[in-house]
């Protein structure tokens, strides 16, 4: 069983993963998404610039086809956090975090880190030795989050260009940098 360094509870591999007390004295419930969450996930992501807004259809697929590697955070029945991710098919020891969305109502409460911890605690992640994500240069929030993940659980994350602004995006999107974190054993 994986134990969080930021909460005093062990996270279990079940439908409701964990409950975390917050500054507002209410709890977040972490769970796998379900098909009914697709619309709420889409609306949440639209509130979280600079995240790329995909189609609502994409979010419904994440909530169904990728539910084992995604997490929803609810407070009082309101979806206030979501992480999409997957285990890389050609690298089954690598968990790729696609998007981290935290509602403006829940920012500053450590929710993003708690959701990552909940995902790492799942049975599907038991053989994960690396976390990867891509981040644009100007996304200070994501850099801060993943550098914190590296400080707490990693052993020296490495940054490299993944998709170049000119070469891959023809100047229509900022360069995406891959941040690869080897997890401590």
Protein backbone atom coordinates (compact mmCIF):
# COMPACT_ATOMS: atom_id res chain seq x y z
CA UNK A 1 0.00 0.00 0.00
CA UNK A 2 1.29 3.44 -0.96
CA UNK A 3 1.29 6.03 1.81
CA UNK A 4 0.88 9.74 1.21
CA UNK A 5 3.46 12.16 2.59
CA UNK A 6 0.95 15.02 2.80
CA UNK A 7 -2.02 13.36 4.52
CA UNK A 8 -2.14 11.06 7.50
CA UNK A 9 -4.19 8.38 5.79
CA UNK A 10 -3.29 5.47 3.58
CA UNK A 11 -5.04 5.65 0.24
CA UNK A 12 -6.92 2.55 -0.76
CA UNK A 13 -7.66 1.21 -4.24
CA UNK A 14 -11.44 1.57 -4.11
CA UNK A 15 -14.18 3.68 -5.66
CA UNK A 16 -13.81 6.38 -3.00
CA UNK A 17 -10.06 6.69 -2.65
CA UNK A 18 -9.54 9.17 0.15
CA UNK A 19 -11.09 12.05 1.99
CA UNK A 20 -8.95 15.06 2.80
CA UNK A 21 -9.90 17.82 5.21
CA UNK A 22 -9.33 21.25 3.71
CA UNK A 23 -8.85 24.81 4.91
CA UNK A 24 -12.58 25.43 4.50
CA UNK A 25 -13.30 22.57 6.92
CA UNK A 26 -14.96 20.39 4.29
CA UNK A 27 -13.66 17.22 2.73
CA UNK A 28 -12.67 16.31 -0.79
CA UNK A 29 -13.70 12.88 -2.00
CA UNK A 30 -11.34 11.33 -4.56
CA UNK A 31 -12.82 8.74 -6.91
CA UNK A 32 -12.59 7.26 -10.36
CA UNK A 33 -14.63 9.24 -12.88
CA UNK A 34 -17.83 7.84 -14.38
CA UNK A 35 -19.63 8.59 -17.64
CA UNK A 36 -21.88 11.11 -15.89
CA UNK A 37 -18.80 13.20 -15.00
CA UNK A 38 -17.83 14.01 -18.60
CA UNK A 39 -19.77 17.27 -18.81
CA UNK A 40 -18.60 18.45 -15.39
CA UNK A 41 -14.99 17.66 -16.31
CA UNK A 42 -15.35 19.63 -19.55
CA UNK A 43 -16.79 22.65 -17.70
CA UNK A 44 -14.05 22.46 -15.07
CA UNK A 45 -11.28 22.46 -17.69
CA UNK A 46 -12.80 25.52 -19.37
CA UNK A 47 -12.32 27.33 -16.03
CA UNK A 48 -8.63 26.41 -15.84
CA UNK A 49 -6.54 28.35 -18.34
CA UNK A 50 -3.93 27.78 -19.67
CA UNK A 51 -5.16 24.18 -20.08
CA UNK A 52 -6.05 23.22 -23.63
CA UNK A 53 -9.80 22.63 -23.86
CA UNK A 54 -10.47 19.39 -25.67
CA UNK A 55 -13.90 18.33 -26.89
CA UNK A 56 -16.49 17.23 -24.34
CA UNK A 57 -16.37 13.88 -26.15
CA UNK A 58 -12.70 13.54 -25.16
CA UNK A 59 -13.61 14.14 -21.52
CA UNK A 60 -16.35 11.48 -21.70
CA UNK A 61 -13.76 9.03 -23.08
CA UNK A 62 -11.36 9.92 -20.26
CA UNK A 63 -14.15 9.31 -17.73
CA UNK A 64 -14.89 5.87 -19.17
CA UNK A 65 -11.98 4.36 -21.13
CA UNK A 66 -9.30 5.86 -18.88
CA UNK A 67 -11.13 5.89 -15.54
CA UNK A 68 -8.52 3.70 -13.85
CA UNK A 69 -5.85 6.35 -14.42
CA UNK A 70 -7.95 9.48 -13.92
CA UNK A 71 -9.30 10.99 -10.70
CA UNK A 72 -12.18 13.29 -9.83
CA UNK A 73 -12.12 15.38 -6.64
CA UNK A 74 -15.50 16.41 -5.27
CA UNK A 75 -16.45 18.65 -2.41
CA UNK A 76 -20.07 18.60 -1.29
CA UNK A 77 -21.04 16.96 -4.60
CA UNK A 78 -19.29 19.58 -6.74
CA UNK A 79 -16.47 18.44 -9.06
CA UNK A 80 -13.58 20.75 -8.13
CA UNK A 81 -10.61 18.78 -9.40
CA UNK A 82 -9.70 16.35 -12.16
CA UNK A 83 -6.53 14.71 -13.39
CA UNK A 84 -6.36 12.77 -16.63
CA UNK A 85 -3.50 10.39 -17.21
CA UNK A 86 -2.54 6.97 -18.46
CA UNK A 87 0.11 4.29 -18.24
CA UNK A 88 2.22 4.56 -21.38
CA UNK A 89 1.59 1.39 -23.45
CA UNK A 90 5.20 1.09 -24.61
CA UNK A 91 6.55 1.97 -21.13
CA UNK A 92 4.35 0.26 -18.52
CA UNK A 93 6.50 1.67 -15.70
CA UNK A 94 5.62 5.26 -16.70
CA UNK A 95 2.51 7.20 -15.67
CA UNK A 96 1.82 10.12 -18.01
CA UNK A 97 -0.19 12.96 -16.43
CA UNK A 98 -2.11 14.62 -19.26
CA UNK A 99 -4.02 17.42 -17.52
CA UNK A 100 -4.42 18.72 -13.98
CA UNK A 101 -7.49 20.88 -13.41
CA UNK A 102 -8.37 22.57 -10.11
CA UNK A 103 -11.42 24.81 -9.81
CA UNK A 104 -10.74 28.42 -8.80
CA UNK A 105 -12.88 27.60 -5.71
CA UNK A 106 -10.33 25.01 -4.55
CA UNK A 107 -6.98 26.56 -5.39
CA UNK A 108 -4.38 26.91 -2.65
CA UNK A 109 -5.57 23.83 -0.75
CA UNK A 110 -3.07 21.27 -2.04
CA UNK A 111 -5.71 19.53 -4.13
CA UNK A 112 -3.54 18.88 -7.21
CA UNK A 113 -0.83 17.12 -5.18
CA UNK A 114 -3.45 15.10 -3.28
CA UNK A 115 -4.99 13.92 -6.56
CA UNK A 116 -1.57 12.81 -7.85
CA UNK A 117 -1.03 10.91 -4.59
CA UNK A 118 -4.43 9.27 -4.97
CA UNK A 119 -3.55 8.13 -8.51
CA UNK A 120 -0.17 6.75 -7.44
CA UNK A 121 -1.90 4.77 -4.69
CA UNK A 122 -4.07 2.83 -7.11
CA UNK A 123 -3.37 -0.77 -7.96
CA UNK A 124 -2.96 0.20 -11.62
CA UNK A 125 0.10 2.29 -10.64
CA UNK A 126 1.84 -0.32 -8.46
CA UNK A 127 4.59 -0.88 -11.06
CA UNK A 128 5.08 2.80 -11.91
CA UNK A 129 8.66 4.04 -11.51
CA UNK A 130 8.37 7.28 -13.50
CA UNK A 131 5.92 10.16 -13.81
CA UNK A 132 5.88 12.17 -17.01
CA UNK A 133 3.99 15.28 -18.01
CA UNK A 134 4.34 18.03 -20.56
CA UNK A 135 4.27 21.69 -19.56
CA UNK A 136 4.61 24.96 -21.45
CA UNK A 137 7.28 27.39 -20.26
CA UNK A 138 4.77 29.91 -18.89
CA UNK A 139 2.64 27.46 -16.85
CA UNK A 140 4.08 28.39 -13.45
CA UNK A 141 1.42 26.44 -11.54
CA UNK A 142 2.24 23.15 -13.24
CA UNK A 143 5.99 23.66 -12.89
CA UNK A 144 5.54 24.32 -9.17
CA UNK A 145 3.33 21.25 -8.74
CA UNK A 146 5.61 18.82 -10.53
CA UNK A 147 8.77 20.19 -8.94
CA UNK A 148 7.07 19.58 -5.59
CA UNK A 149 6.18 16.02 -6.66
CA UNK A 150 9.85 15.58 -7.57
CA UNK A 151 11.03 16.94 -4.19
CA UNK A 152 8.65 14.68 -2.24
CA UNK A 153 8.66 11.48 -4.29
CA UNK A 154 11.24 11.82 -7.05
CA UNK A 155 14.94 11.58 -7.47
CA UNK A 156 15.84 14.35 -9.91
CA UNK A 157 13.33 15.14 -12.64
CA UNK A 158 14.68 15.93 -16.10
CA UNK A 159 13.30 18.46 -18.58
CA UNK A 160 13.52 18.15 -22.36
CA UNK A 161 11.68 19.49 -25.41
CA UNK A 162 8.81 17.19 -26.36
CA UNK A 163 6.89 19.18 -28.97
CA UNK A 164 8.57 22.26 -30.40
CA UNK A 165 6.58 25.44 -31.13
CA UNK A 166 7.96 25.74 -34.68
CA UNK A 167 8.84 22.19 -35.66
CA UNK A 168 5.64 20.51 -34.43
CA UNK A 169 3.07 23.30 -33.96
CA UNK A 170 4.02 25.61 -36.85
CA UNK A 171 4.04 28.54 -34.41
CA UNK A 172 0.43 27.94 -33.32
CA UNK A 173 1.16 26.56 -29.82
CA UNK A 174 3.91 27.06 -27.28
CA UNK A 175 6.64 24.45 -26.92
CA UNK A 176 5.65 21.57 -24.64
CA UNK A 177 8.48 20.45 -22.36
CA UNK A 178 8.54 16.87 -21.10
CA UNK A 179 9.26 16.63 -17.37
CA UNK A 180 10.23 13.07 -16.41
CA UNK A 181 10.44 12.24 -12.72
CA UNK A 182 12.10 8.99 -11.58
CA UNK A 183 10.30 7.96 -8.40
CA UNK A 184 12.26 7.04 -5.29
CA UNK A 185 12.16 3.37 -4.49
